[in-house]
Amino acid sequence: MQFLVPDMTCGSCVPHVTDAIAKVDPGAVVEADTVARTITVTTSASQQEIEEALTDDGYPATAI
């Protein structure tokens, strides 16, 4: 799954985004591109679960 995360503006944001997703799926693999402000997530969680976890952590995201 890919998500646009407009508020992920720097490398310091990546651990926060990764931790938010890990709360839903500890085994998830997250690849972040801070320039494009996108993440690619390999997970067993649903798109909605990932979006909710990111929003709850202050990084609203939409699937792309």
PDB file of N, CA and C in Angstrom:
ATOM      1  N   MET A   1       0.842  -1.177   0.000  1.00  0.00           N
ATOM      2  CA  MET A   1       0.000   0.000   0.000  1.00  0.00           C
ATOM      3  C   MET A   1       0.884   1.235   0.000  1.00  0.00           C
ATOM      4  N   GLN A   2       0.422   2.267  -0.682  1.00  0.00           N
ATOM      5  CA  GLN A   2       1.128   3.547  -0.662  1.00  0.00           C
ATOM      6  C   GLN A   2       0.208   4.622  -0.107  1.00  0.00           C
ATOM      7  N   PHE A   3       0.826   5.537   0.632  1.00  0.00           N
ATOM      8  CA  PHE A   3       0.080   6.626   1.242  1.00  0.00           C
ATOM      9  C   PHE A   3       0.812   7.939   1.031  1.00  0.00           C
ATOM     10  N   LEU A   4       0.044   8.985   0.851  1.00  0.00           N
ATOM     11  CA  LEU A   4       0.567  10.345   0.853  1.00  0.00           C
ATOM     12  C   LEU A   4       0.427  10.867   2.276  1.00  0.00           C
ATOM     13  N   VAL A   5       1.540  11.339   2.837  1.00  0.00           N
ATOM     14  CA  VAL A   5       1.563  11.847   4.211  1.00  0.00           C
ATOM     15  C   VAL A   5       2.105  13.279   4.150  1.00  0.00           C
ATOM     16  N   PRO A   6       1.245  14.255   3.880  1.00  0.00           N
ATOM     17  CA  PRO A   6       1.707  15.633   3.658  1.00  0.00           C
ATOM     18  C   PRO A   6       2.498  16.238   4.812  1.00  0.00           C
ATOM     19  N   ASP A   7       2.234  15.812   6.040  1.00  0.00           N
ATOM     20  CA  ASP A   7       2.915  16.399   7.198  1.00  0.00           C
ATOM     21  C   ASP A   7       4.240  15.717   7.527  1.00  0.00           C
ATOM     22  N   MET A   8       4.648  14.721   6.747  1.00  0.00           N
ATOM     23  CA  MET A   8       5.930  14.047   6.946  1.00  0.00           C
ATOM     24  C   MET A   8       6.971  14.832   6.140  1.00  0.00           C
ATOM     25  N   THR A   9       7.565  15.818   6.774  1.00  0.00           N
ATOM     26  CA  THR A   9       8.404  16.769   6.046  1.00  0.00           C
ATOM     27  C   THR A   9       9.901  16.530   6.165  1.00  0.00           C
ATOM     28  N   CYS A  10      10.323  15.644   7.081  1.00  0.00           N
ATOM     29  CA  CYS A  10      11.760  15.442   7.257  1.00  0.00           C
ATOM     30  C   CYS A  10      12.030  14.056   7.824  1.00  0.00           C
ATOM     31  N   GLY A  11      13.297  13.737   7.900  1.00  0.00           N
ATOM     32  CA  GLY A  11      13.693  12.436   8.414  1.00  0.00           C
ATOM     33  C   GLY A  11      13.281  12.195   9.856  1.00  0.00           C
ATOM     34  N   SER A  12      13.121  13.246  10.623  1.00  0.00           N
ATOM     35  CA  SER A  12      12.701  13.092  12.016  1.00  0.00           C
ATOM     36  C   SER A  12      11.254  12.607  12.139  1.00  0.00           C
ATOM     37  N   CYS A  13      10.483  12.818  11.099  1.00  0.00           N
ATOM     38  CA  CYS A  13       9.076  12.382  11.106  1.00  0.00           C
ATOM     39  C   CYS A  13       8.946  10.876  10.872  1.00  0.00           C
ATOM     40  N   VAL A  14       9.909  10.300  10.168  1.00  0.00           N
ATOM     41  CA  VAL A  14       9.809   8.901   9.752  1.00  0.00           C
ATOM     42  C   VAL A  14       9.648   7.946  10.939  1.00  0.00           C
ATOM     43  N   PRO A  15      10.428   8.076  12.020  1.00  0.00           N
ATOM     44  CA  PRO A  15      10.218   7.164  13.150  1.00  0.00           C
ATOM     45  C   PRO A  15       8.825   7.281  13.770  1.00  0.00           C
ATOM     46  N   HIS A  16       8.264   8.467  13.781  1.00  0.00           N
ATOM     47  CA  HIS A  16       6.913   8.650  14.321  1.00  0.00           C
ATOM     48  C   HIS A  16       5.885   7.924  13.456  1.00  0.00           C
ATOM     49  N   VAL A  17       6.034   8.068  12.146  1.00  0.00           N
ATOM     50  CA  VAL A  17       5.130   7.405  11.211  1.00  0.00           C
ATOM     51  C   VAL A  17       5.274   5.886  11.342  1.00  0.00           C
ATOM     52  N   THR A  18       6.501   5.423  11.403  1.00  0.00           N
ATOM     53  CA  THR A  18       6.761   3.983  11.520  1.00  0.00           C
ATOM     54  C   THR A  18       6.200   3.432  12.826  1.00  0.00           C
ATOM     55  N   ASP A  19       6.384   4.159  13.917  1.00  0.00           N
ATOM     56  CA  ASP A  19       5.865   3.719  15.218  1.00  0.00           C
ATOM     57  C   ASP A  19       4.342   3.663  15.224  1.00  0.00           C
ATOM     58  N   ALA A  20       3.706   4.628  14.569  1.00  0.00           N
ATOM     59  CA  ALA A  20       2.245   4.640  14.509  1.00  0.00           C
ATOM     60  C   ALA A  20       1.734   3.395  13.795  1.00  0.00           C
ATOM     61  N   ILE A  21       2.398   3.025  12.720  1.00  0.00           N
ATOM     62  CA  ILE A  21       1.985   1.837  11.966  1.00  0.00           C
ATOM     63  C   ILE A  21       2.290   0.568  12.762  1.00  0.00           C
ATOM     64  N   ALA A  22       3.397   0.551  13.478  1.00  0.00           N
ATOM     65  CA  ALA A  22       3.772  -0.614  14.286  1.00  0.00           C
ATOM     66  C   ALA A  22       2.758  -0.902  15.387  1.00  0.00           C
ATOM     67  N   LYS A  23       2.042   0.115  15.835  1.00  0.00           N
ATOM     68  CA  LYS A  23       0.997  -0.100  16.843  1.00  0.00           C
ATOM     69  C   LYS A  23      -0.131  -0.954  16.286  1.00  0.00           C
ATOM     70  N   VAL A  24      -0.362  -0.861  14.992  1.00  0.00           N
ATOM     71  CA  VAL A  24      -1.413  -1.640  14.332  1.00  0.00           C
ATOM     72  C   VAL A  24      -0.870  -2.985  13.869  1.00  0.00           C
ATOM     73  N   ASP A  25       0.351  -2.984  13.329  1.00  0.00           N
ATOM     74  CA  ASP A  25       0.981  -4.207  12.825  1.00  0.00           C
ATOM     75  C   ASP A  25       2.478  -4.139  13.125  1.00  0.00           C
ATOM     76  N   PRO A  26       2.901  -4.778  14.218  1.00  0.00           N
ATOM     77  CA  PRO A  26       4.313  -4.725  14.594  1.00  0.00           C
ATOM     78  C   PRO A  26       5.259  -5.283  13.529  1.00  0.00           C
ATOM     79  N   GLY A  27       4.764  -6.117  12.648  1.00  0.00           N
ATOM     80  CA  GLY A  27       5.600  -6.704  11.606  1.00  0.00           C
ATOM     81  C   GLY A  27       5.598  -5.938  10.301  1.00  0.00           C
ATOM     82  N   ALA A  28       4.952  -4.796  10.265  1.00  0.00           N
ATOM     83  CA  ALA A  28       4.856  -4.014   9.033  1.00  0.00           C
ATOM     84  C   ALA A  28       6.226  -3.500   8.613  1.00  0.00           C
ATOM     85  N   VAL A  29       6.412  -3.410   7.302  1.00  0.00           N
ATOM     86  CA  VAL A  29       7.637  -2.834   6.737  1.00  0.00           C
ATOM     87  C   VAL A  29       7.253  -1.504   6.102  1.00  0.00           C
ATOM     88  N   VAL A  30       7.928  -0.442   6.518  1.00  0.00           N
ATOM     89  CA  VAL A  30       7.608   0.902   6.043  1.00  0.00           C
ATOM     90  C   VAL A  30       8.811   1.478   5.314  1.00  0.00           C
ATOM     91  N   GLU A  31       8.588   1.936   4.094  1.00  0.00           N
ATOM     92  CA  GLU A  31       9.618   2.639   3.332  1.00  0.00           C
ATOM     93  C   GLU A  31       9.110   4.060   3.122  1.00  0.00           C
ATOM     94  N   ALA A  32       9.904   5.036   3.526  1.00  0.00           N
ATOM     95  CA  ALA A  32       9.479   6.436   3.476  1.00  0.00           C
ATOM     96  C   ALA A  32      10.285   7.225   2.453  1.00  0.00           C
ATOM     97  N   ASP A  33       9.592   8.138   1.781  1.00  0.00           N
ATOM     98  CA  ASP A  33      10.221   9.086   0.863  1.00  0.00           C
ATOM     99  C   ASP A  33       9.791  10.474   1.334  1.00  0.00           C
ATOM    100  N   THR A  34      10.679  11.139   2.088  1.00  0.00           N
ATOM    101  CA  THR A  34      10.316  12.428   2.669  1.00  0.00           C
ATOM    102  C   THR A  34      10.209  13.529   1.621  1.00  0.00           C
ATOM    103  N   VAL A  35      10.907  13.384   0.506  1.00  0.00           N
ATOM    104  CA  VAL A  35      10.820  14.393  -0.551  1.00  0.00           C
ATOM    105  C   VAL A  35       9.433  14.366  -1.186  1.00  0.00           C
ATOM    106  N   ALA A  36       8.960  13.160  -1.512  1.00  0.00           N
ATOM    107  CA  ALA A  36       7.631  13.015  -2.120  1.00  0.00           C
ATOM    108  C   ALA A  36       6.528  12.985  -1.064  1.00  0.00           C
ATOM    109  N   ARG A  37       6.951  12.856   0.203  1.00  0.00           N
ATOM    110  CA  ARG A  37       6.018  12.754   1.337  1.00  0.00           C
ATOM    111  C   ARG A  37       5.084  11.557   1.185  1.00  0.00           C
ATOM    112  N   THR A  38       5.683  10.428   0.813  1.00  0.00           N
ATOM    113  CA  THR A  38       4.934   9.198   0.653  1.00  0.00           C
ATOM    114  C   THR A  38       5.572   8.085   1.469  1.00  0.00           C
ATOM    115  N   ILE A  39       4.759   7.095   1.781  1.00  0.00           N
ATOM    116  CA  ILE A  39       5.260   5.877   2.398  1.00  0.00           C
ATOM    117  C   ILE A  39       4.685   4.688   1.643  1.00  0.00           C
ATOM    118  N   THR A  40       5.469   3.638   1.608  1.00  0.00           N
ATOM    119  CA  THR A  40       5.013   2.356   1.093  1.00  0.00           C
ATOM    120  C   THR A  40       5.015   1.406   2.277  1.00  0.00           C
ATOM    121  N   VAL A  41       3.887   0.748   2.496  1.00  0.00           N
ATOM    122  CA  VAL A  41       3.732  -0.106   3.669  1.00  0.00           C
ATOM    123  C   VAL A  41       3.385  -1.525   3.223  1.00  0.00           C
ATOM    124  N   THR A  42       4.159  -2.483   3.701  1.00  0.00           N
ATOM    125  CA  THR A  42       3.852  -3.889   3.520  1.00  0.00           C
ATOM    126  C   THR A  42       3.305  -4.363   4.860  1.00  0.00           C
ATOM    127  N   THR A  43       2.025  -4.711   4.871  1.00  0.00           N
ATOM    128  CA  THR A  43       1.351  -4.988   6.136  1.00  0.00           C
ATOM    129  C   THR A  43       0.165  -5.916   5.939  1.00  0.00           C
ATOM    130  N   SER A  44      -0.252  -6.535   7.033  1.00  0.00           N
ATOM    131  CA  SER A  44      -1.470  -7.333   7.013  1.00  0.00           C
ATOM    132  C   SER A  44      -2.660  -6.499   7.488  1.00  0.00           C
ATOM    133  N   ALA A  45      -2.395  -5.275   7.944  1.00  0.00           N
ATOM    134  CA  ALA A  45      -3.464  -4.373   8.397  1.00  0.00           C
ATOM    135  C   ALA A  45      -4.202  -3.796   7.188  1.00  0.00           C
ATOM    136  N   SER A  46      -5.404  -3.333   7.436  1.00  0.00           N
ATOM    137  CA  SER A  46      -6.199  -2.739   6.358  1.00  0.00           C
ATOM    138  C   SER A  46      -5.769  -1.294   6.110  1.00  0.00           C
ATOM    139  N   GLN A  47      -6.133  -0.806   4.953  1.00  0.00           N
ATOM    140  CA  GLN A  47      -5.852   0.592   4.606  1.00  0.00           C
ATOM    141  C   GLN A  47      -6.453   1.518   5.651  1.00  0.00           C
ATOM    142  N   GLN A  48      -7.666   1.243   6.058  1.00  0.00           N
ATOM    143  CA  GLN A  48      -8.345   2.092   7.038  1.00  0.00           C
ATOM    144  C   GLN A  48      -7.605   2.082   8.376  1.00  0.00           C
ATOM    145  N   GLU A  49      -7.127   0.919   8.798  1.00  0.00           N
ATOM    146  CA  GLU A  49      -6.397   0.842  10.069  1.00  0.00           C
ATOM    147  C   GLU A  49      -5.114   1.684  10.017  1.00  0.00           C
ATOM    148  N   ILE A  50      -4.419   1.630   8.893  1.00  0.00           N
ATOM    149  CA  ILE A  50      -3.190   2.408   8.750  1.00  0.00           C
ATOM    150  C   ILE A  50      -3.508   3.904   8.750  1.00  0.00           C
ATOM    151  N   GLU A  51      -4.515   4.302   7.976  1.00  0.00           N
ATOM    152  CA  GLU A  51      -4.884   5.720   7.922  1.00  0.00           C
ATOM    153  C   GLU A  51      -5.296   6.234   9.297  1.00  0.00           C
ATOM    154  N   GLU A  52      -6.072   5.443  10.038  1.00  0.00           N
ATOM    155  CA  GLU A  52      -6.510   5.862  11.378  1.00  0.00           C
ATOM    156  C   GLU A  52      -5.320   5.975  12.331  1.00  0.00           C
ATOM    157  N   ALA A  53      -4.397   5.019  12.272  1.00  0.00           N
ATOM    158  CA  ALA A  53      -3.230   5.051  13.162  1.00  0.00           C
ATOM    159  C   ALA A  53      -2.382   6.287  12.880  1.00  0.00           C
ATOM    160  N   LEU A  54      -2.183   6.602  11.606  1.00  0.00           N
ATOM    161  CA  LEU A  54      -1.392   7.776  11.249  1.00  0.00           C
ATOM    162  C   LEU A  54      -2.092   9.074  11.662  1.00  0.00           C
ATOM    163  N   THR A  55      -3.386   9.138  11.445  1.00  0.00           N
ATOM    164  CA  THR A  55      -4.140  10.329  11.828  1.00  0.00           C
ATOM    165  C   THR A  55      -4.096  10.523  13.338  1.00  0.00           C
ATOM    166  N   ASP A  56      -4.272   9.432  14.090  1.00  0.00           N
ATOM    167  CA  ASP A  56      -4.227   9.518  15.547  1.00  0.00           C
ATOM    168  C   ASP A  56      -2.868   9.990  16.050  1.00  0.00           C
ATOM    169  N   ASP A  57      -1.817   9.727  15.284  1.00  0.00           N
ATOM    170  CA  ASP A  57      -0.459  10.119  15.682  1.00  0.00           C
ATOM    171  C   ASP A  57      -0.066  11.491  15.132  1.00  0.00           C
ATOM    172  N   GLY A  58      -1.004  12.159  14.448  1.00  0.00           N
ATOM    173  CA  GLY A  58      -0.732  13.516  13.955  1.00  0.00           C
ATOM    174  C   GLY A  58      -0.193  13.583  12.543  1.00  0.00           C
ATOM    175  N   TYR A  59      -0.296  12.475  11.807  1.00  0.00           N
ATOM    176  CA  TYR A  59       0.172  12.440  10.422  1.00  0.00           C
ATOM    177  C   TYR A  59      -0.946  11.929   9.505  1.00  0.00           C
ATOM    178  N   PRO A  60      -1.956  12.746   9.263  1.00  0.00           N
ATOM    179  CA  PRO A  60      -3.052  12.308   8.402  1.00  0.00           C
ATOM    180  C   PRO A  60      -2.507  11.839   7.048  1.00  0.00           C
ATOM    181  N   ALA A  61      -3.062  10.733   6.559  1.00  0.00           N
ATOM    182  CA  ALA A  61      -2.580  10.151   5.312  1.00  0.00           C
ATOM    183  C   ALA A  61      -3.746   9.707   4.452  1.00  0.00           C
ATOM    184  N   THR A  62      -3.495   9.683   3.152  1.00  0.00           N
ATOM    185  CA  THR A  62      -4.484   9.148   2.220  1.00  0.00           C
ATOM    186  C   THR A  62      -3.799   8.153   1.301  1.00  0.00           C
ATOM    187  N   ALA A  63      -4.505   7.100   0.978  1.00  0.00           N
ATOM    188  CA  ALA A  63      -3.957   6.075   0.086  1.00  0.00           C
ATOM    189  C   ALA A  63      -3.827   6.667  -1.321  1.00  0.00           C
ATOM    190  N   ILE A  64      -2.774   6.251  -2.002  1.00  0.00           N
ATOM    191  CA  ILE A  64      -2.573   6.687  -3.381  1.00  0.00           C
ATOM    192  C   ILE A  64      -2.363   5.476  -4.285  1.00  0.00           C
TER     193      ILE A  64
END
